[in-house]
Protein backbone atom coordinates (compact mmCIF):
# COMPACT_ATOMS: atom_id res chain seq x y z
CA MET A 1 14.42 -35.89 -5.03
CA SER A 2 14.90 -32.18 -4.29
CA ALA A 3 15.25 -30.80 -0.77
CA PHE A 4 11.77 -29.26 -1.04
CA GLU A 5 10.20 -32.52 -2.23
CA THR A 6 11.86 -34.34 0.67
CA TYR A 7 10.51 -31.68 3.06
CA ILE A 8 6.94 -32.10 1.78
CA ARG A 9 7.23 -35.90 2.01
CA ASP A 10 8.52 -35.60 5.59
CA LEU A 11 5.60 -33.31 6.54
CA GLN A 12 3.12 -35.79 5.08
CA GLU A 13 4.71 -38.71 6.91
CA ILE A 14 4.74 -36.85 10.23
CA SER A 15 1.13 -35.77 9.80
CA ALA A 16 0.05 -39.29 8.83
CA THR A 17 1.15 -40.62 12.21
CA GLY A 18 -1.77 -38.77 13.80
CA ALA A 19 0.46 -38.05 16.80
CA ALA A 20 2.06 -34.78 15.66
CA VAL A 21 1.92 -31.61 17.75
CA LYS A 22 0.81 -28.63 15.63
CA GLU A 23 4.16 -26.85 15.53
CA THR A 24 7.12 -28.56 17.12
CA SER A 25 6.65 -31.96 15.51
CA TYR A 26 7.60 -30.41 12.19
CA TYR A 27 10.78 -28.65 13.37
CA GLY A 28 12.97 -31.60 12.37
CA ALA A 29 11.74 -31.56 8.78
CA LEU A 30 12.14 -27.77 8.60
CA GLU A 31 15.64 -27.95 10.04
CA LYS A 32 16.63 -30.59 7.48
CA LEU A 33 15.30 -28.43 4.61
CA LEU A 34 17.03 -25.26 5.82
CA ASN A 35 20.33 -27.07 6.36
CA GLU A 36 20.22 -28.47 2.83
CA LEU A 37 19.65 -24.95 1.50
CA GLY A 38 22.33 -23.58 3.81
CA LYS A 39 24.91 -25.92 2.29
CA THR A 40 24.53 -24.03 -0.99
CA LEU A 41 25.31 -20.61 0.54
CA LYS A 42 28.69 -18.96 0.91
CA PRO A 43 29.61 -19.09 3.70
CA LYS A 44 27.68 -22.23 4.49
CA VAL A 45 24.96 -21.75 7.10
CA ARG A 46 23.71 -24.28 9.64
CA ARG A 47 20.24 -23.96 11.17
CA VAL A 48 20.15 -24.61 14.91
CA MET A 49 16.75 -25.36 16.41
CA GLN A 50 15.84 -24.84 20.06
CA LEU A 51 18.50 -22.32 21.06
CA LYS A 52 19.21 -21.46 24.66
CA ASN A 53 17.42 -18.53 26.28
CA ILE A 54 19.04 -15.14 25.80
CA ASP A 55 18.18 -12.37 28.25
CA GLY A 56 15.03 -14.23 29.26
CA ARG A 57 13.83 -14.58 25.67
CA GLU A 58 13.44 -17.97 24.05
CA CYS A 59 14.80 -18.15 20.52
CA ARG A 60 13.32 -21.12 18.74
CA MET A 61 15.81 -21.19 15.89
CA GLY A 62 18.89 -19.44 14.60
CA ASP A 63 21.50 -19.64 11.90
CA HIS A 64 25.12 -20.44 12.50
CA SER A 65 27.98 -19.77 10.16
CA PRO A 66 31.64 -20.51 10.91
CA ARG A 67 32.34 -16.78 10.45
CA VAL A 68 29.68 -15.56 12.90
CA SER A 69 29.82 -16.95 16.40
CA PHE A 70 26.61 -17.53 18.34
CA ARG A 71 28.02 -15.44 21.21
CA ARG A 72 28.47 -12.42 18.93
CA ARG A 73 24.85 -12.62 17.74
CA GLN A 74 23.17 -13.20 21.10
CA LYS A 75 22.01 -9.61 21.40
CA THR A 76 20.21 -9.73 18.06
CA CYS A 77 18.22 -12.92 18.58
CA GLN A 78 14.61 -11.90 18.02
CA ILE A 79 13.17 -14.98 16.36
CA ARG A 80 10.03 -16.25 18.06
């Protein structure tokens, strides 16, 4: 099964519980999909969900690569 097919199956299973929150309940499935895709990139990229606040702004997700430290990218975090 492809990463995308697994993602769709995960979304369906989460939704079928009837207990999912509109957005955040699906973060795990999205993170899994993006990490699978990130493994195919050079350099490999790891998706990190729920990052710490930076300058009072909450960043919900970000990418991490061994070549780019999180500290170096803190000033550019604009994902909401």
